[in-house]
Amino acid sequence: MDDTATPHTAQPAGDELGTAIRGAVGRLYRRFRAERADGQLGDAAMGVLTRLEKNGPQTLKALSDYDRVTPASMSQIVNRLTAAGYATRNDDPDDGRRVLFAATPEGAELVNADRARRQAWLDSHLAELSADDRAALARAAALLQQIADS
């Protein structure tokens, strides 16, 4: 019996497993970014717009805290989004001193189109896998989510 493993069947142990996971997740993330339409928003702006579409109106502080950037850096991002018509800037109805940013319908449409394009790419590759491989990925996805949530 041949006990040489291919990259797809190798089972790294210990810290090799962490390295393998980080490498795979990083490559997948870069591949998802490559599926973004030409001329679309950059990663930082698209990430902010996606959060606004998913979570609703947010303050500049909440956005900058989430991305771990300075409020000045986040201000540049939301200014680009509002100038492009993808986000609005409104006074907080509960606290007039604060400003809330929200995705516009055009911004939500852009996020949903981006999400659909990347999901279609992933679905086409998942369809090429065996049922066993898809089941293994489903288990791995649940475990990765558990790690991310810890």
C-alpha atoms as a PDB file:
ATOM      1  CA  MET A   1       0.000   0.000   0.000  1.00  0.00           C
ATOM      2  CA  ASP A   2       1.285   3.476  -0.903  1.00  0.00           C
ATOM      3  CA  ASP A   3       1.355   5.700   2.188  1.00  0.00           C
ATOM      4  CA  THR A   4       2.435   8.876   0.407  1.00  0.00           C
ATOM      5  CA  ALA A   5      -0.164  11.577   0.760  1.00  0.00           C
ATOM      6  CA  THR A   6      -1.207  14.160  -1.766  1.00  0.00           C
ATOM      7  CA  PRO A   7      -1.718  17.757  -0.604  1.00  0.00           C
ATOM      8  CA  HIS A   8      -5.465  17.065  -0.568  1.00  0.00           C
ATOM      9  CA  THR A   9      -5.226  14.040   1.717  1.00  0.00           C
ATOM     10  CA  ALA A  10      -2.312  15.001   3.939  1.00  0.00           C
ATOM     11  CA  GLN A  11      -3.265  15.266   7.588  1.00  0.00           C
ATOM     12  CA  PRO A  12      -0.871  17.694   9.261  1.00  0.00           C
ATOM     13  CA  ALA A  13      -0.451  17.400  13.001  1.00  0.00           C
ATOM     14  CA  GLY A  14       0.140  19.956  15.736  1.00  0.00           C
ATOM     15  CA  ASP A  15       1.275  23.385  14.649  1.00  0.00           C
ATOM     16  CA  GLU A  16       1.411  22.162  11.035  1.00  0.00           C
ATOM     17  CA  LEU A  17      -2.387  21.950  11.104  1.00  0.00           C
ATOM     18  CA  GLY A  18      -2.688  25.585  12.156  1.00  0.00           C
ATOM     19  CA  THR A  19      -0.298  26.614   9.397  1.00  0.00           C
ATOM     20  CA  ALA A  20      -2.254  24.583   6.843  1.00  0.00           C
ATOM     21  CA  ILE A  21      -5.571  26.102   7.938  1.00  0.00           C
ATOM     22  CA  ARG A  22      -4.222  29.667   7.898  1.00  0.00           C
ATOM     23  CA  GLY A  23      -2.776  29.080   4.447  1.00  0.00           C
ATOM     24  CA  ALA A  24      -5.994  27.623   3.044  1.00  0.00           C
ATOM     25  CA  VAL A  25      -8.219  30.298   4.582  1.00  0.00           C
ATOM     26  CA  GLY A  26      -5.889  33.036   3.335  1.00  0.00           C
ATOM     27  CA  ARG A  27      -5.857  31.648  -0.204  1.00  0.00           C
ATOM     28  CA  LEU A  28      -9.633  31.272  -0.203  1.00  0.00           C
ATOM     29  CA  TYR A  29     -10.035  34.858   1.048  1.00  0.00           C
ATOM     30  CA  ARG A  30      -7.736  36.158  -1.712  1.00  0.00           C
ATOM     31  CA  ARG A  31      -9.649  34.092  -4.276  1.00  0.00           C
ATOM     32  CA  PHE A  32     -12.972  35.548  -3.106  1.00  0.00           C
ATOM     33  CA  ARG A  33     -11.501  39.036  -3.435  1.00  0.00           C
ATOM     34  CA  ALA A  34     -10.414  38.198  -6.979  1.00  0.00           C
ATOM     35  CA  GLU A  35     -14.047  37.423  -7.853  1.00  0.00           C
ATOM     36  CA  ARG A  36     -15.033  41.019  -7.155  1.00  0.00           C
ATOM     37  CA  ALA A  37     -16.091  42.922 -10.282  1.00  0.00           C
ATOM     38  CA  ASP A  38     -13.534  45.191 -11.948  1.00  0.00           C
ATOM     39  CA  GLY A  39     -13.881  48.808 -10.897  1.00  0.00           C
ATOM     40  CA  GLN A  40     -15.790  47.864  -7.767  1.00  0.00           C
ATOM     41  CA  LEU A  41     -15.059  49.338  -4.358  1.00  0.00           C
ATOM     42  CA  GLY A  42     -11.861  48.366  -2.573  1.00  0.00           C
ATOM     43  CA  ASP A  43     -11.819  45.743   0.152  1.00  0.00           C
ATOM     44  CA  ALA A  44     -12.100  48.166   3.073  1.00  0.00           C
ATOM     45  CA  ALA A  45     -15.016  50.112   1.587  1.00  0.00           C
ATOM     46  CA  MET A  46     -16.796  46.948   0.489  1.00  0.00           C
ATOM     47  CA  GLY A  47     -16.375  45.487   3.975  1.00  0.00           C
ATOM     48  CA  VAL A  48     -17.901  48.574   5.580  1.00  0.00           C
ATOM     49  CA  LEU A  49     -20.767  48.645   3.078  1.00  0.00           C
ATOM     50  CA  THR A  50     -21.424  44.946   3.681  1.00  0.00           C
ATOM     51  CA  ARG A  51     -21.640  45.542   7.444  1.00  0.00           C
ATOM     52  CA  LEU A  52     -24.018  48.472   6.931  1.00  0.00           C
ATOM     53  CA  GLU A  53     -26.224  46.355   4.669  1.00  0.00           C
ATOM     54  CA  LYS A  54     -26.187  43.405   7.065  1.00  0.00           C
ATOM     55  CA  ASN A  55     -26.345  45.153  10.458  1.00  0.00           C
ATOM     56  CA  GLY A  56     -28.149  48.396   9.694  1.00  0.00           C
ATOM     57  CA  PRO A  57     -27.104  51.944  10.604  1.00  0.00           C
ATOM     58  CA  GLN A  58     -23.813  52.315  12.485  1.00  0.00           C
ATOM     59  CA  THR A  59     -21.868  55.141  14.064  1.00  0.00           C
ATOM     60  CA  LEU A  60     -18.407  56.060  12.846  1.00  0.00           C
ATOM     61  CA  LYS A  61     -17.018  54.840  16.177  1.00  0.00           C
ATOM     62  CA  ALA A  62     -18.709  51.442  15.867  1.00  0.00           C
ATOM     63  CA  LEU A  63     -17.399  51.036  12.318  1.00  0.00           C
ATOM     64  CA  SER A  64     -13.857  52.090  13.196  1.00  0.00           C
ATOM     65  CA  ASP A  65     -13.814  49.918  16.337  1.00  0.00           C
ATOM     66  CA  TYR A  66     -14.969  46.882  14.349  1.00  0.00           C
ATOM     67  CA  ASP A  67     -12.243  47.322  11.731  1.00  0.00           C
ATOM     68  CA  ARG A  68      -9.670  48.431  14.315  1.00  0.00           C
ATOM     69  CA  VAL A  69      -8.843  51.592  12.415  1.00  0.00           C
ATOM     70  CA  THR A  70      -8.797  55.207  13.504  1.00  0.00           C
ATOM     71  CA  PRO A  71     -11.977  57.244  13.172  1.00  0.00           C
ATOM     72  CA  ALA A  72     -10.093  59.440  10.670  1.00  0.00           C
ATOM     73  CA  SER A  73      -9.385  56.419   8.455  1.00  0.00           C
ATOM     74  CA  MET A  74     -12.988  55.230   8.708  1.00  0.00           C
ATOM     75  CA  SER A  75     -14.192  58.743   7.939  1.00  0.00           C
ATOM     76  CA  GLN A  76     -12.379  58.582   4.596  1.00  0.00           C
ATOM     77  CA  ILE A  77     -14.075  55.276   3.783  1.00  0.00           C
ATOM     78  CA  VAL A  78     -17.599  56.411   4.672  1.00  0.00           C
ATOM     79  CA  ASN A  79     -17.032  59.693   2.820  1.00  0.00           C
ATOM     80  CA  ARG A  80     -16.238  57.681  -0.332  1.00  0.00           C
ATOM     81  CA  LEU A  81     -19.323  55.528   0.199  1.00  0.00           C
ATOM     82  CA  THR A  82     -21.612  58.524   0.689  1.00  0.00           C
ATOM     83  CA  ALA A  83     -20.091  60.402  -2.274  1.00  0.00           C
ATOM     84  CA  ALA A  84     -20.696  57.341  -4.477  1.00  0.00           C
ATOM     85  CA  GLY A  85     -24.317  57.110  -3.306  1.00  0.00           C
ATOM     86  CA  TYR A  86     -23.824  53.754  -1.564  1.00  0.00           C
ATOM     87  CA  ALA A  87     -24.347  55.063   1.981  1.00  0.00           C
ATOM     88  CA  THR A  88     -26.182  57.860   3.745  1.00  0.00           C
ATOM     89  CA  ARG A  89     -25.160  60.008   6.684  1.00  0.00           C
ATOM     90  CA  ASN A  90     -28.005  60.965   9.047  1.00  0.00           C
ATOM     91  CA  ASP A  91     -28.363  62.326  12.559  1.00  0.00           C
ATOM     92  CA  ASP A  92     -29.046  59.657  15.161  1.00  0.00           C
ATOM     93  CA  PRO A  93     -32.722  60.092  16.170  1.00  0.00           C
ATOM     94  CA  ASP A  94     -31.844  59.030  19.739  1.00  0.00           C
ATOM     95  CA  ASP A  95     -28.814  61.306  20.117  1.00  0.00           C
ATOM     96  CA  GLY A  96     -28.555  64.333  17.842  1.00  0.00           C
ATOM     97  CA  ARG A  97     -24.826  64.624  18.561  1.00  0.00           C
ATOM     98  CA  ARG A  98     -24.133  61.333  16.788  1.00  0.00           C
ATOM     99  CA  VAL A  99     -24.217  60.516  13.095  1.00  0.00           C
ATOM    100  CA  LEU A 100     -25.398  57.190  11.708  1.00  0.00           C
ATOM    101  CA  PHE A 101     -24.267  55.723   8.408  1.00  0.00           C
ATOM    102  CA  ALA A 102     -26.540  53.348   6.503  1.00  0.00           C
ATOM    103  CA  ALA A 103     -26.451  51.528   3.177  1.00  0.00           C
ATOM    104  CA  THR A 104     -28.623  53.004   0.432  1.00  0.00           C
ATOM    105  CA  PRO A 105     -30.690  50.734  -1.842  1.00  0.00           C
ATOM    106  CA  GLU A 106     -27.883  51.105  -4.422  1.00  0.00           C
ATOM    107  CA  GLY A 107     -25.334  50.102  -1.799  1.00  0.00           C
ATOM    108  CA  ALA A 108     -27.390  47.082  -0.769  1.00  0.00           C
ATOM    109  CA  GLU A 109     -27.739  46.097  -4.432  1.00  0.00           C
ATOM    110  CA  LEU A 110     -23.960  46.275  -4.882  1.00  0.00           C
ATOM    111  CA  VAL A 111     -23.379  44.136  -1.775  1.00  0.00           C
ATOM    112  CA  ASN A 112     -25.953  41.558  -2.851  1.00  0.00           C
ATOM    113  CA  ALA A 113     -24.553  41.349  -6.400  1.00  0.00           C
ATOM    114  CA  ASP A 114     -21.034  40.929  -5.016  1.00  0.00           C
ATOM    115  CA  ARG A 115     -22.204  38.237  -2.602  1.00  0.00           C
ATOM    116  CA  ALA A 116     -24.089  36.400  -5.372  1.00  0.00           C
ATOM    117  CA  ARG A 117     -21.101  36.501  -7.745  1.00  0.00           C
ATOM    118  CA  ARG A 118     -18.759  35.047  -5.140  1.00  0.00           C
ATOM    119  CA  GLN A 119     -21.318  32.476  -3.995  1.00  0.00           C
ATOM    120  CA  ALA A 120     -21.787  31.323  -7.607  1.00  0.00           C
ATOM    121  CA  TRP A 121     -18.020  30.893  -7.952  1.00  0.00           C
ATOM    122  CA  LEU A 122     -17.854  28.849  -4.746  1.00  0.00           C
ATOM    123  CA  ASP A 123     -20.939  26.782  -5.607  1.00  0.00           C
ATOM    124  CA  SER A 124     -19.465  25.855  -8.998  1.00  0.00           C
ATOM    125  CA  HIS A 125     -16.340  24.498  -7.303  1.00  0.00           C
ATOM    126  CA  LEU A 126     -18.247  22.727  -4.540  1.00  0.00           C
ATOM    127  CA  ALA A 127     -20.377  20.991  -7.181  1.00  0.00           C
ATOM    128  CA  GLU A 128     -17.220  19.374  -8.570  1.00  0.00           C
ATOM    129  CA  LEU A 129     -16.456  17.687  -5.232  1.00  0.00           C
ATOM    130  CA  SER A 130     -17.662  14.280  -4.122  1.00  0.00           C
ATOM    131  CA  ALA A 131     -20.442  14.009  -1.557  1.00  0.00           C
ATOM    132  CA  ASP A 132     -17.866  12.835   1.000  1.00  0.00           C
ATOM    133  CA  ASP A 133     -15.653  15.860   0.345  1.00  0.00           C
ATOM    134  CA  ARG A 134     -18.630  18.233   0.641  1.00  0.00           C
ATOM    135  CA  ALA A 135     -19.590  16.569   3.945  1.00  0.00           C
ATOM    136  CA  ALA A 136     -16.003  16.955   5.190  1.00  0.00           C
ATOM    137  CA  LEU A 137     -16.070  20.641   4.238  1.00  0.00           C
ATOM    138  CA  ALA A 138     -19.395  21.095   6.048  1.00  0.00           C
ATOM    139  CA  ARG A 139     -17.838  19.646   9.209  1.00  0.00           C
ATOM    140  CA  ALA A 140     -14.715  21.767   8.763  1.00  0.00           C
ATOM    141  CA  ALA A 141     -16.802  24.916   8.210  1.00  0.00           C
ATOM    142  CA  ALA A 142     -18.661  24.301  11.473  1.00  0.00           C
ATOM    143  CA  LEU A 143     -15.381  23.782  13.333  1.00  0.00           C
ATOM    144  CA  LEU A 144     -13.804  26.890  11.806  1.00  0.00           C
ATOM    145  CA  GLN A 145     -16.883  28.898  12.813  1.00  0.00           C
ATOM    146  CA  GLN A 146     -16.578  27.526  16.351  1.00  0.00           C
ATOM    147  CA  ILE A 147     -12.924  28.589  16.495  1.00  0.00           C
ATOM    148  CA  ALA A 148     -13.734  32.025  15.063  1.00  0.00           C
ATOM    149  CA  ASP A 149     -16.492  32.534  17.636  1.00  0.00           C
ATOM    150  CA  SER A 150     -14.269  31.616  20.606  1.00  0.00           C
END
